Amino acid sequence: MKSPILSLIVAAAENNAIGKNNDLIWHLPTDMKYFKDTTTGHCVIMGRKNYDSIPLKYRPLSNRTNIIVTRQKDFTAPGCIVAHSLEEAISRAKEIE
């Protein structure tokens, strides 16, 4: 059986920063469109703080399987899969893809 492709998408500043105060450090519509076009129809794995930083009206990210990684055993996110390790999240994504 063919293994699914695992891709990482990140926008990082020259100092490798990816966010500040639970928000993006810039607003680049072209980057947001690329992310949406690339991930639509696939699984998206993100940390709980990243998930929490997404405005409520956009959660869960539409047309994607949202997998949230957290150490919080009682965390729930409607319409999402919750995993408690990156390994578990990847395994769940492989089951779906």
N, C-alpha and C. Protein backbone atom coordinates (compact mmCIF):
# COMPACT_ATOMS: atom_id res chain seq x y z
N MET A 1 0.84 -1.17 0.00
CA MET A 1 0.00 0.00 0.00
C MET A 1 0.89 1.24 0.00
N LYS A 2 0.52 2.23 -0.80
CA LYS A 2 1.27 3.47 -0.91
C LYS A 2 1.09 4.31 0.35
N SER A 3 2.19 4.85 0.86
CA SER A 3 2.16 5.71 2.05
C SER A 3 1.67 7.10 1.68
N PRO A 4 0.80 7.71 2.50
CA PRO A 4 0.35 9.07 2.19
C PRO A 4 1.51 10.06 2.33
N ILE A 5 1.38 11.16 1.64
CA ILE A 5 2.39 12.22 1.71
C ILE A 5 2.13 13.05 2.96
N LEU A 6 3.18 13.32 3.71
CA LEU A 6 3.09 14.18 4.88
C LEU A 6 3.81 15.47 4.55
N SER A 7 3.09 16.59 4.59
CA SER A 7 3.67 17.89 4.24
C SER A 7 3.57 18.83 5.43
N LEU A 8 4.51 19.74 5.51
CA LEU A 8 4.51 20.77 6.54
C LEU A 8 4.44 22.12 5.86
N ILE A 9 3.47 22.93 6.27
CA ILE A 9 3.34 24.28 5.72
C ILE A 9 3.51 25.26 6.88
N VAL A 10 4.45 26.16 6.75
CA VAL A 10 4.68 27.16 7.78
C VAL A 10 5.18 28.44 7.13
N ALA A 11 4.72 29.56 7.63
CA ALA A 11 5.23 30.86 7.20
C ALA A 11 6.06 31.39 8.36
N ALA A 12 7.36 31.53 8.17
CA ALA A 12 8.25 31.97 9.24
C ALA A 12 8.97 33.25 8.85
N ALA A 13 9.13 34.12 9.82
CA ALA A 13 9.88 35.36 9.62
C ALA A 13 11.38 35.03 9.57
N GLU A 14 12.18 36.02 9.24
CA GLU A 14 13.63 35.80 9.17
C GLU A 14 14.21 35.31 10.49
N ASN A 15 13.58 35.66 11.62
CA ASN A 15 14.04 35.18 12.92
C ASN A 15 13.34 33.89 13.33
N ASN A 16 12.64 33.24 12.38
CA ASN A 16 11.92 31.98 12.56
C ASN A 16 10.64 32.12 13.39
N ALA A 17 10.20 33.32 13.68
CA ALA A 17 8.94 33.51 14.39
C ALA A 17 7.79 33.11 13.48
N ILE A 18 6.78 32.45 14.08
CA ILE A 18 5.60 32.07 13.30
C ILE A 18 4.33 32.72 13.85
N GLY A 19 4.45 33.38 14.99
CA GLY A 19 3.31 34.05 15.57
C GLY A 19 3.72 34.83 16.80
N LYS A 20 2.78 35.64 17.28
CA LYS A 20 3.01 36.41 18.50
C LYS A 20 1.66 36.64 19.17
N ASN A 21 1.61 36.38 20.46
CA ASN A 21 0.38 36.57 21.24
C ASN A 21 -0.81 35.83 20.63
N ASN A 22 -0.57 34.58 20.23
CA ASN A 22 -1.60 33.73 19.64
C ASN A 22 -2.22 34.32 18.38
N ASP A 23 -1.42 35.00 17.59
CA ASP A 23 -1.89 35.58 16.35
C ASP A 23 -0.77 35.50 15.32
N LEU A 24 -1.14 35.59 14.05
CA LEU A 24 -0.13 35.65 13.00
C LEU A 24 0.61 36.98 13.11
N ILE A 25 1.85 36.99 12.67
CA ILE A 25 2.62 38.23 12.77
C ILE A 25 2.48 39.10 11.54
N TRP A 26 1.71 38.64 10.57
CA TRP A 26 1.42 39.44 9.38
C TRP A 26 0.13 38.92 8.76
N HIS A 27 -0.41 39.67 7.84
CA HIS A 27 -1.61 39.25 7.10
C HIS A 27 -1.26 39.28 5.63
N LEU A 28 -1.08 38.10 5.06
CA LEU A 28 -0.71 37.96 3.66
C LEU A 28 -1.79 37.14 2.95
N PRO A 29 -2.73 37.80 2.29
CA PRO A 29 -3.85 37.09 1.64
C PRO A 29 -3.39 35.99 0.68
N THR A 30 -2.30 36.21 -0.04
CA THR A 30 -1.80 35.21 -0.98
C THR A 30 -1.36 33.95 -0.24
N ASP A 31 -0.70 34.12 0.90
CA ASP A 31 -0.29 32.96 1.71
C ASP A 31 -1.51 32.22 2.26
N MET A 32 -2.50 32.96 2.72
CA MET A 32 -3.70 32.33 3.26
C MET A 32 -4.44 31.53 2.17
N LYS A 33 -4.49 32.07 0.97
CA LYS A 33 -5.13 31.38 -0.15
C LYS A 33 -4.35 30.11 -0.50
N TYR A 34 -3.01 30.20 -0.51
CA TYR A 34 -2.17 29.02 -0.78
C TYR A 34 -2.45 27.93 0.25
N PHE A 35 -2.49 28.31 1.52
CA PHE A 35 -2.75 27.35 2.59
C PHE A 35 -4.11 26.68 2.39
N LYS A 36 -5.12 27.47 2.12
CA LYS A 36 -6.46 26.92 1.94
C LYS A 36 -6.52 26.00 0.72
N ASP A 37 -5.98 26.46 -0.40
CA ASP A 37 -6.01 25.65 -1.63
C ASP A 37 -5.22 24.35 -1.46
N THR A 38 -4.12 24.40 -0.76
CA THR A 38 -3.25 23.23 -0.59
C THR A 38 -3.83 22.22 0.38
N THR A 39 -4.52 22.70 1.42
CA THR A 39 -5.00 21.78 2.46
C THR A 39 -6.44 21.33 2.28
N THR A 40 -7.21 21.99 1.44
CA THR A 40 -8.61 21.59 1.24
C THR A 40 -8.69 20.13 0.80
N GLY A 41 -9.55 19.39 1.48
CA GLY A 41 -9.74 17.98 1.16
C GLY A 41 -8.77 17.06 1.88
N HIS A 42 -7.94 17.61 2.75
CA HIS A 42 -6.93 16.82 3.45
C HIS A 42 -7.06 17.02 4.96
N CYS A 43 -6.23 16.33 5.69
CA CYS A 43 -6.14 16.52 7.14
C CYS A 43 -5.21 17.68 7.44
N VAL A 44 -5.57 18.45 8.46
CA VAL A 44 -4.73 19.53 8.95
C VAL A 44 -4.48 19.26 10.43
N ILE A 45 -3.20 19.12 10.79
CA ILE A 45 -2.83 18.89 12.18
C ILE A 45 -2.30 20.20 12.75
N MET A 46 -2.84 20.57 13.92
CA MET A 46 -2.39 21.81 14.56
C MET A 46 -2.42 21.63 16.07
N GLY A 47 -1.65 22.44 16.75
CA GLY A 47 -1.67 22.45 18.20
C GLY A 47 -2.90 23.15 18.73
N ARG A 48 -3.22 22.91 19.99
CA ARG A 48 -4.40 23.49 20.60
C ARG A 48 -4.34 25.02 20.62
N LYS A 49 -3.19 25.58 20.92
CA LYS A 49 -3.11 27.04 20.96
C LYS A 49 -3.31 27.62 19.57
N ASN A 50 -2.81 26.96 18.54
CA ASN A 50 -3.05 27.42 17.17
C ASN A 50 -4.54 27.34 16.86
N TYR A 51 -5.17 26.24 17.23
CA TYR A 51 -6.61 26.09 17.01
C TYR A 51 -7.39 27.19 17.74
N ASP A 52 -7.02 27.43 19.01
CA ASP A 52 -7.70 28.47 19.79
C ASP A 52 -7.53 29.86 19.18
N SER A 53 -6.44 30.08 18.46
CA SER A 53 -6.19 31.41 17.87
C SER A 53 -7.03 31.66 16.62
N ILE A 54 -7.63 30.62 16.08
CA ILE A 54 -8.46 30.79 14.88
C ILE A 54 -9.80 31.39 15.31
N PRO A 55 -10.24 32.46 14.67
CA PRO A 55 -11.53 33.04 15.05
C PRO A 55 -12.66 32.00 15.00
N LEU A 56 -13.57 32.08 15.95
CA LEU A 56 -14.66 31.10 16.06
C LEU A 56 -15.39 30.86 14.75
N LYS A 57 -15.61 31.92 13.98
CA LYS A 57 -16.38 31.76 12.74
C LYS A 57 -15.65 30.92 11.70
N TYR A 58 -14.35 30.68 11.87
CA TYR A 58 -13.58 29.87 10.92
C TYR A 58 -13.24 28.49 11.46
N ARG A 59 -13.71 28.16 12.69
CA ARG A 59 -13.40 26.87 13.29
C ARG A 59 -14.56 25.92 13.17
N PRO A 60 -14.32 24.66 12.89
CA PRO A 60 -13.06 24.12 12.37
C PRO A 60 -12.85 24.60 10.94
N LEU A 61 -11.62 24.51 10.48
CA LEU A 61 -11.32 24.91 9.11
C LEU A 61 -12.16 24.08 8.15
N SER A 62 -12.88 24.73 7.27
CA SER A 62 -13.85 24.03 6.41
C SER A 62 -13.17 23.16 5.36
N ASN A 63 -13.88 22.11 4.99
CA ASN A 63 -13.47 21.18 3.93
C ASN A 63 -12.14 20.51 4.21
N ARG A 64 -11.80 20.36 5.49
CA ARG A 64 -10.59 19.68 5.92
C ARG A 64 -10.90 18.92 7.19
N THR A 65 -10.18 17.83 7.42
CA THR A 65 -10.27 17.15 8.70
C THR A 65 -9.30 17.84 9.64
N ASN A 66 -9.83 18.46 10.69
CA ASN A 66 -9.02 19.19 11.66
C ASN A 66 -8.63 18.24 12.78
N ILE A 67 -7.33 18.08 12.99
CA ILE A 67 -6.82 17.25 14.08
C ILE A 67 -6.05 18.16 15.02
N ILE A 68 -6.48 18.20 16.27
CA ILE A 68 -5.90 19.09 17.27
C ILE A 68 -5.04 18.26 18.22
N VAL A 69 -3.79 18.68 18.42
CA VAL A 69 -2.88 18.00 19.34
C VAL A 69 -2.83 18.80 20.65
N THR A 70 -3.12 18.10 21.75
CA THR A 70 -3.10 18.74 23.07
C THR A 70 -2.76 17.72 24.14
N ARG A 71 -2.17 18.22 25.23
CA ARG A 71 -1.94 17.35 26.40
C ARG A 71 -3.16 17.33 27.30
N GLN A 72 -4.11 18.23 27.07
CA GLN A 72 -5.31 18.31 27.91
C GLN A 72 -6.23 17.11 27.61
N LYS A 73 -6.32 16.21 28.56
CA LYS A 73 -7.08 14.97 28.36
C LYS A 73 -8.57 15.22 28.15
N ASP A 74 -9.12 16.31 28.70
CA ASP A 74 -10.55 16.56 28.61
C ASP A 74 -10.91 17.57 27.52
N PHE A 75 -9.94 17.95 26.68
CA PHE A 75 -10.20 18.95 25.63
C PHE A 75 -11.11 18.38 24.56
N THR A 76 -12.09 19.15 24.15
CA THR A 76 -12.96 18.78 23.04
C THR A 76 -13.04 19.96 22.07
N ALA A 77 -13.23 19.65 20.82
CA ALA A 77 -13.40 20.67 19.79
C ALA A 77 -14.43 20.13 18.80
N PRO A 78 -15.62 20.72 18.78
CA PRO A 78 -16.67 20.22 17.89
C PRO A 78 -16.21 20.16 16.44
N GLY A 79 -16.47 19.02 15.82
CA GLY A 79 -16.12 18.85 14.41
C GLY A 79 -14.66 18.52 14.17
N CYS A 80 -13.91 18.30 15.25
CA CYS A 80 -12.47 18.01 15.13
C CYS A 80 -12.14 16.68 15.78
N ILE A 81 -10.99 16.16 15.43
CA ILE A 81 -10.41 15.00 16.09
C ILE A 81 -9.38 15.53 17.06
N VAL A 82 -9.39 15.03 18.29
CA VAL A 82 -8.40 15.45 19.29
C VAL A 82 -7.42 14.31 19.50
N ALA A 83 -6.13 14.64 19.44
CA ALA A 83 -5.05 13.67 19.66
C ALA A 83 -4.17 14.20 20.79
N HIS A 84 -3.47 13.28 21.45
CA HIS A 84 -2.66 13.68 22.60
C HIS A 84 -1.17 13.55 22.36
N SER A 85 -0.80 13.34 21.10
CA SER A 85 0.62 13.36 20.71
C SER A 85 0.66 13.56 19.20
N LEU A 86 1.79 14.03 18.72
CA LEU A 86 1.94 14.19 17.28
C LEU A 86 1.86 12.85 16.58
N GLU A 87 2.43 11.83 17.19
CA GLU A 87 2.39 10.48 16.61
C GLU A 87 0.95 10.00 16.45
N GLU A 88 0.13 10.23 17.47
CA GLU A 88 -1.28 9.84 17.40
C GLU A 88 -1.99 10.62 16.30
N ALA A 89 -1.71 11.91 16.19
CA ALA A 89 -2.35 12.75 15.17
C ALA A 89 -2.00 12.26 13.77
N ILE A 90 -0.73 11.94 13.54
CA ILE A 90 -0.30 11.45 12.22
C ILE A 90 -0.95 10.11 11.93
N SER A 91 -1.02 9.26 12.93
CA SER A 91 -1.65 7.95 12.75
C SER A 91 -3.13 8.10 12.38
N ARG A 92 -3.83 9.01 13.05
CA ARG A 92 -5.24 9.25 12.75
C ARG A 92 -5.40 9.79 11.34
N ALA A 93 -4.50 10.70 10.93
CA ALA A 93 -4.56 11.26 9.58
C ALA A 93 -4.34 10.17 8.54
N LYS A 94 -3.41 9.26 8.78
CA LYS A 94 -3.14 8.16 7.85
C LYS A 94 -4.37 7.28 7.67
N GLU A 95 -5.12 7.07 8.76
CA GLU A 95 -6.34 6.26 8.69
C GLU A 95 -7.37 6.90 7.78
N ILE A 96 -7.40 8.23 7.75
CA ILE A 96 -8.39 8.97 6.97
C ILE A 96 -7.98 9.13 5.52
N GLU A 97 -6.72 9.50 5.32
CA GLU A 97 -6.24 9.78 3.96
C GLU A 97 -6.16 8.47 3.21
